Amino acid sequence: MVEEGFVDVEGGRVAFRLLPGGDGTPLLLVHGGPGMAWDYLEPLERLSADRPVVLYDQLGCGRSDRPDDPSLWRVDRFVDEVRRVREALGLDRAFLLGHSWGGCLATAYARTDPPGLAGLVLASPLLSTDRWLADAAALRSQLPRDVRAVLDRHEAGGSTDCPEYVAAAVVFYKRHLCRVDPWPDALERTWTNMGLDVYLAMWGPTEFHATGSLRGYDLTPQLPRISVPTLLTCGRHDEARPETVASFRDLIPGAAMVVFEESSHTPHLEEPERYLDVVAAFLRDVDVP
C-alpha cells in the first residue's frame, strides 16, 4: 500500500510518497529545480517492481510547506533535508537518483559520506554552474535569430517575466528540456506545482539565464571523493550536454554513463522504457554484485 505523509525539516514539512516494492535496496528520488516538484519523476515509480521507491517534494514547492523565508534556500539546508527524509523513513540503506539540480543535491549529500548509501544515479546533473551556462550558451546560439533577439532584449531590459520572453524560452525548452509534443501530463503538473520563489532565488528566470545564488557553484573538485557505484545519464540533446556529463563521469572512480539518443533533459519521459531498463539493471547489478 502506498504511504504518503510529511517529514519535519528545517523550515517546515516536506511531503513524501513511498511505494512499497520488491526486496531490493530502496530508491530515493531527488527532483530538479530548485523548486520543480516531484510530479515529472512519476514514471520512475515503476522501478518499485524491484524495490521500494520514495519521492518527496523539497521545501518550498509541490505539496510541501512554502515558508516565506529566503534564508532557507541554501544548498546545505537542502542536503540536510535529504538526510532527514532518509532517517524519518528508515532508509538505512538506499540508492539516490538525483535529476538535474537533484543531481547536485545527491552529489553534495554523497560527499558527506553518509552511512548506508548504496549508489548514485546522476541524471543530467547540474554539477558546475559555469559548465551548465557554457552548454546553455552553445545550445542557445542554435536557436532561430528572432528567438535569440527576444531573449537578449528582455534579459538586457530586466523584463524576463514578460509573456514574450517566456514564449521564446519555451522554444529552447522544447528542444533541450523535453522533446515530447505535447508535454506529458506529469511534466505539466510539475510546472503547475513549481515553487517559483525558490527557483528565482537560487537559479534565475530560465534554465539558461542564471542570476541566483547558485552562480559559481561547482562540485567537480568533490567528484573524485565519490566512493559508491555511480551511473550518469543524459540525452543527446540535453541541457547537460553529453560532453560535459562525460567529463563528470571521468572524475568519479568507476562511474558508468549512458546517453539516450532520442532525448533531451528528461529521458525518463522521452524514452521511458529504455530509461527504466537501464536504471533498473544498474540498481540490480549493485544489489547483487
Protein backbone atom coordinates (compact mmCIF):
# COMPACT_ATOMS: atom_id res chain seq x y z
CA MET A 1 0.00 0.00 0.00
CA VAL A 2 1.32 3.45 -0.95
CA GLU A 3 2.24 5.57 2.07
CA GLU A 4 2.05 9.36 1.97
CA GLY A 5 2.86 11.88 4.67
CA PHE A 6 5.23 14.59 5.82
CA VAL A 7 8.72 14.81 7.29
CA ASP A 8 9.85 17.65 9.54
CA VAL A 9 12.87 19.54 8.20
CA GLU A 10 14.48 22.88 8.89
CA GLY A 11 11.87 25.47 7.91
CA GLY A 12 8.77 23.28 7.75
CA ARG A 13 7.50 19.94 6.48
CA VAL A 14 8.18 18.14 3.22
CA ALA A 15 5.67 15.79 1.59
CA PHE A 16 6.65 12.27 0.57
CA ARG A 17 5.20 9.28 -1.25
CA LEU A 18 6.58 5.78 -0.53
CA LEU A 19 5.74 2.95 -2.90
CA PRO A 20 6.41 -0.49 -1.45
CA GLY A 21 8.11 -2.89 -3.81
CA GLY A 22 10.38 -5.86 -4.12
CA ASP A 23 13.18 -6.85 -1.80
CA GLY A 24 15.83 -4.61 -3.40
CA THR A 25 17.51 -1.69 -1.70
CA PRO A 26 15.12 1.31 -1.57
CA LEU A 27 15.50 4.13 -4.10
CA LEU A 28 15.08 7.78 -3.07
CA LEU A 29 14.28 10.15 -5.94
CA VAL A 30 15.57 13.74 -5.71
CA HIS A 31 13.85 16.10 -8.12
CA GLY A 32 15.24 19.04 -10.04
CA GLY A 33 14.68 22.75 -9.97
CA PRO A 34 15.36 24.10 -7.47
CA GLY A 35 11.63 24.12 -6.85
CA MET A 36 10.28 21.87 -9.63
CA ALA A 37 8.27 19.30 -7.55
CA TRP A 38 8.31 15.53 -7.93
CA ASP A 39 5.45 15.07 -10.46
CA TYR A 40 7.63 14.73 -13.57
CA LEU A 41 9.54 11.86 -11.94
CA GLU A 42 6.41 9.74 -11.53
CA PRO A 43 7.32 7.37 -14.42
CA LEU A 44 10.20 6.18 -12.23
CA GLU A 45 7.67 4.82 -9.75
CA ARG A 46 7.66 1.71 -11.95
CA LEU A 47 11.06 0.85 -10.53
CA SER A 48 9.13 -0.25 -7.43
CA ALA A 49 8.71 -3.62 -9.17
CA ASP A 50 12.15 -4.41 -7.71
CA ARG A 51 12.41 -2.19 -4.62
CA PRO A 52 10.63 0.48 -2.55
CA VAL A 53 10.67 3.89 -4.27
CA VAL A 54 10.34 7.21 -2.44
CA LEU A 55 9.50 10.60 -3.96
CA TYR A 56 9.43 13.82 -1.97
CA ASP A 57 8.84 17.50 -2.71
CA GLN A 58 11.65 19.69 -1.48
CA LEU A 59 10.68 22.51 0.86
CA GLY A 60 9.10 25.42 -0.99
CA CYS A 61 7.38 23.54 -3.80
CA GLY A 62 4.75 20.97 -4.66
CA ARG A 63 2.84 19.56 -1.70
CA SER A 64 5.45 20.65 0.86
CA ASP A 65 5.32 23.74 3.04
CA ARG A 66 6.20 27.02 1.35
CA PRO A 67 7.72 29.27 4.02
CA ASP A 68 8.34 32.91 3.20
CA ASP A 69 11.95 32.87 4.36
CA PRO A 70 14.68 33.31 1.71
CA SER A 71 17.36 32.29 4.23
CA LEU A 72 16.16 28.70 3.83
CA TRP A 73 17.16 28.45 0.19
CA ARG A 74 20.68 27.13 0.81
CA VAL A 75 22.38 24.07 -0.61
CA ASP A 76 23.42 22.86 2.84
CA ARG A 77 19.81 23.02 4.09
CA PHE A 78 18.58 21.01 1.09
CA VAL A 79 21.35 18.45 1.69
CA ASP A 80 20.26 18.16 5.33
CA GLU A 81 16.71 17.67 4.03
CA VAL A 82 17.85 14.54 2.17
CA ARG A 83 19.35 13.22 5.40
CA ARG A 84 16.18 13.90 7.38
CA VAL A 85 13.94 12.22 4.79
CA ARG A 86 16.14 9.11 4.85
CA GLU A 87 16.16 8.97 8.62
CA ALA A 88 12.43 9.58 9.03
CA LEU A 89 11.52 6.85 6.54
CA GLY A 90 14.01 4.35 7.90
CA LEU A 91 16.05 4.15 4.69
CA ASP A 92 19.08 2.70 6.45
CA ARG A 93 20.49 1.56 3.11
CA ALA A 94 19.37 3.40 -0.03
CA PHE A 95 20.16 4.40 -3.57
CA LEU A 96 19.74 8.04 -4.61
CA LEU A 97 18.64 9.12 -8.06
CA GLY A 98 19.06 12.86 -8.49
CA HIS A 99 17.88 14.61 -11.64
CA SER A 100 19.36 17.97 -12.75
CA TRP A 101 19.52 20.13 -9.58
CA GLY A 102 18.67 16.89 -7.77
CA GLY A 103 21.96 15.51 -9.10
CA CYS A 104 23.70 18.42 -7.39
CA LEU A 105 21.95 17.57 -4.12
CA ALA A 106 22.68 13.86 -4.41
CA THR A 107 26.36 14.58 -5.04
CA ALA A 108 26.65 17.14 -2.25
CA TYR A 109 24.98 14.63 0.07
CA ALA A 110 27.27 11.78 -1.05
CA ARG A 111 30.39 13.81 -0.27
CA THR A 112 29.33 13.85 3.40
CA ASP A 113 29.98 10.07 3.42
CA PRO A 114 26.54 9.14 4.79
CA PRO A 115 26.21 5.59 6.12
CA GLY A 116 24.25 3.13 4.03
CA LEU A 117 24.46 4.94 0.70
CA ALA A 118 24.36 2.06 -1.80
CA GLY A 119 24.92 4.01 -5.01
CA LEU A 120 24.02 7.03 -7.12
CA VAL A 121 22.23 7.72 -10.37
CA LEU A 122 23.11 11.24 -11.52
CA ALA A 123 20.59 12.06 -14.23
CA SER A 124 21.53 15.06 -16.42
CA PRO A 125 23.19 16.55 -13.33
CA LEU A 126 23.96 20.16 -12.52
CA LEU A 127 27.44 19.86 -11.01
CA SER A 128 29.06 23.09 -12.22
CA THR A 129 27.05 26.23 -12.91
CA ASP A 130 29.76 27.61 -15.18
CA ARG A 131 29.74 24.45 -17.29
CA TRP A 132 25.94 24.47 -17.37
CA LEU A 133 25.83 28.07 -18.59
CA ALA A 134 28.51 27.41 -21.20
CA ASP A 135 26.46 24.49 -22.52
CA ALA A 136 23.32 26.62 -22.47
CA ALA A 137 25.04 29.38 -24.42
CA ALA A 138 26.15 26.90 -27.08
CA LEU A 139 22.63 25.49 -27.40
CA ARG A 140 21.05 28.94 -27.34
CA SER A 141 23.26 30.04 -30.21
CA GLN A 142 21.47 27.42 -32.36
CA LEU A 143 18.03 28.93 -31.78
CA PRO A 144 16.41 30.98 -34.57
CA ARG A 145 17.77 34.51 -34.73
CA ASP A 146 14.42 36.15 -33.91
CA VAL A 147 14.04 33.96 -30.79
CA ARG A 148 17.54 34.88 -29.62
CA ALA A 149 16.76 38.55 -30.17
CA VAL A 150 13.70 38.37 -27.92
CA LEU A 151 15.67 36.62 -25.18
CA ASP A 152 18.55 39.09 -25.41
CA ARG A 153 16.27 42.14 -25.36
CA HIS A 154 14.29 41.13 -22.30
CA GLU A 155 17.32 39.94 -20.34
CA ALA A 156 19.06 43.24 -21.01
CA GLY A 157 15.95 45.16 -20.02
CA GLY A 158 15.19 43.11 -16.92
CA SER A 159 11.75 42.09 -18.22
CA THR A 160 12.14 38.32 -18.09
CA ASP A 161 8.61 37.94 -16.68
CA CYS A 162 7.17 39.25 -19.96
CA PRO A 163 4.99 36.72 -21.86
CA GLU A 164 7.06 37.31 -24.99
CA TYR A 165 10.21 36.25 -23.15
CA VAL A 166 8.50 33.21 -21.66
CA ALA A 167 7.27 32.14 -25.10
CA ALA A 168 10.78 32.44 -26.52
CA ALA A 169 12.17 30.38 -23.63
CA VAL A 170 9.69 27.62 -24.45
CA VAL A 171 11.35 27.26 -27.86
CA PHE A 172 14.56 26.33 -26.02
CA TYR A 173 12.72 24.03 -23.61
CA LYS A 174 11.02 22.07 -26.39
CA ARG A 175 14.44 21.35 -27.88
CA HIS A 176 16.50 20.75 -24.76
CA LEU A 177 14.21 20.10 -21.76
CA CYS A 178 11.60 17.71 -23.18
CA ARG A 179 11.13 16.86 -26.86
CA VAL A 180 7.80 15.05 -26.40
CA ASP A 181 4.98 17.03 -28.05
CA PRO A 182 2.70 17.73 -26.30
CA TRP A 183 4.50 17.58 -22.99
CA PRO A 184 3.46 14.69 -20.72
CA ASP A 185 0.89 15.47 -18.04
CA ALA A 186 3.43 14.70 -15.31
CA LEU A 187 5.74 17.44 -16.59
CA GLU A 188 2.89 19.93 -16.95
CA ARG A 189 1.90 19.27 -13.32
CA THR A 190 5.48 19.93 -12.20
CA TRP A 191 5.30 23.41 -13.72
CA THR A 192 1.91 23.98 -12.06
CA ASN A 193 3.28 22.87 -8.66
CA MET A 194 6.56 24.74 -9.02
CA GLY A 195 7.97 26.90 -6.23
CA LEU A 196 8.92 29.89 -8.35
CA ASP A 197 10.40 31.91 -5.49
CA VAL A 198 12.89 29.12 -4.76
CA TYR A 199 13.82 28.82 -8.43
CA LEU A 200 14.32 32.56 -8.84
CA ALA A 201 16.32 32.91 -5.62
CA MET A 202 18.70 30.04 -6.30
CA TRP A 203 18.79 29.89 -10.11
CA GLY A 204 17.03 32.60 -12.13
CA PRO A 205 14.26 33.26 -14.65
CA THR A 206 15.10 30.46 -17.11
CA GLU A 207 17.23 27.34 -17.41
CA PHE A 208 19.81 29.27 -19.44
CA HIS A 209 19.86 32.61 -17.58
CA ALA A 210 21.19 32.16 -14.05
CA THR A 211 21.03 35.14 -11.70
CA GLY A 212 20.62 33.41 -8.31
CA SER A 213 22.78 32.09 -5.51
CA LEU A 214 23.95 29.02 -7.46
CA ARG A 215 26.04 31.16 -9.79
CA GLY A 216 29.62 29.94 -9.47
CA TYR A 217 28.64 26.75 -7.65
CA ASP A 218 30.99 23.91 -8.53
CA LEU A 219 31.09 20.34 -7.25
CA THR A 220 33.63 18.99 -9.73
CA PRO A 221 36.54 19.09 -7.21
CA GLN A 222 34.48 16.77 -5.00
CA LEU A 223 33.73 14.12 -7.64
CA PRO A 224 36.89 12.03 -7.08
CA ARG A 225 35.71 11.56 -3.48
CA ILE A 226 32.58 9.65 -4.50
CA SER A 227 33.17 6.08 -3.41
CA VAL A 228 29.86 4.37 -4.23
CA PRO A 229 28.80 2.84 -7.58
CA THR A 230 27.60 5.66 -9.82
CA LEU A 231 25.68 5.82 -13.09
CA LEU A 232 25.39 9.06 -15.05
CA THR A 233 22.69 9.53 -17.69
CA CYS A 234 21.77 12.25 -20.15
CA GLY A 235 20.09 12.83 -23.50
CA ARG A 236 21.83 13.54 -26.77
CA HIS A 237 20.04 16.93 -26.95
CA ASP A 238 20.30 17.63 -23.22
CA GLU A 239 20.89 20.94 -21.46
CA ALA A 240 23.53 18.92 -19.64
CA ARG A 241 25.44 18.12 -22.81
CA PRO A 242 26.94 14.64 -23.19
CA GLU A 243 30.48 16.01 -23.40
CA THR A 244 30.05 17.72 -20.04
CA VAL A 245 28.44 14.71 -18.38
CA ALA A 246 31.27 12.53 -19.72
CA SER A 247 33.80 14.85 -18.09
CA PHE A 248 31.99 14.36 -14.77
CA ARG A 249 32.00 10.59 -15.26
CA ASP A 250 35.76 10.63 -15.82
CA LEU A 251 36.25 12.24 -12.40
CA ILE A 252 34.21 9.66 -10.46
CA PRO A 253 36.06 6.41 -9.77
CA GLY A 254 34.49 3.53 -11.70
CA ALA A 255 31.47 5.51 -12.87
CA ALA A 256 29.42 4.45 -15.91
CA MET A 257 27.45 6.61 -18.34
CA VAL A 258 24.58 6.09 -20.78
CA VAL A 259 23.43 8.61 -23.40
CA PHE A 260 19.84 8.43 -24.68
CA GLU A 261 19.96 9.31 -28.35
CA GLU A 262 16.33 10.43 -28.79
CA SER A 263 16.13 12.51 -25.62
CA SER A 264 16.99 15.87 -24.14
CA HIS A 265 16.89 16.67 -20.39
CA THR A 266 14.18 14.16 -19.42
CA PRO A 267 14.98 10.74 -20.95
CA HIS A 268 12.69 9.09 -18.41
CA LEU A 269 9.82 10.92 -20.17
CA GLU A 270 11.20 10.79 -23.71
CA GLU A 271 12.48 7.19 -23.83
CA PRO A 272 10.81 5.80 -20.72
CA GLU A 273 11.06 2.06 -21.44
CA ARG A 274 14.77 2.13 -22.22
CA TYR A 275 15.49 4.51 -19.36
CA LEU A 276 13.72 2.29 -16.85
CA ASP A 277 15.55 -0.77 -18.19
CA VAL A 278 18.96 0.91 -17.89
CA VAL A 279 18.41 2.23 -14.36
CA ALA A 280 16.79 -0.99 -13.14
CA ALA A 281 19.72 -3.03 -14.48
CA PHE A 282 22.25 -0.76 -12.75
CA LEU A 283 20.44 -0.98 -9.42
CA ARG A 284 20.10 -4.76 -9.65
CA ASP A 285 23.78 -5.17 -10.54
CA VAL A 286 24.83 -3.15 -7.48
CA ASP A 287 22.40 -5.03 -5.25
CA VAL A 288 23.77 -8.41 -6.43
CA PRO A 289 27.45 -7.87 -7.32
